[in-house]
């Protein structure tokens, strides 16, 4: 992993810790899959792009096996990404 990639990962992990996302996901129960928009709704933020940013964070963390992600097909040929903790 390059130096820039490592810096991005550390920044994302810092944000995840500061927002207490792990605890929010753990409260959903073991093996529960949540979408980024559900999590964004539980955060103390007014940022309309919060779910988009969480989606990007989760995509990175899933690529590095920090999260377990799956996709659900919705009506209208849209796909929803759902993520859960490995623990």
Foldseek 3Di string as FASTA:
>chain_A
DDPVVVVVLVVLVVVCVVQVVQVVQVVVDPPDWDQLVVSVVVTPDPDPCRSVVVNVSVVVCVVVPQWDWDWDQDPPRDITIIIHGPD
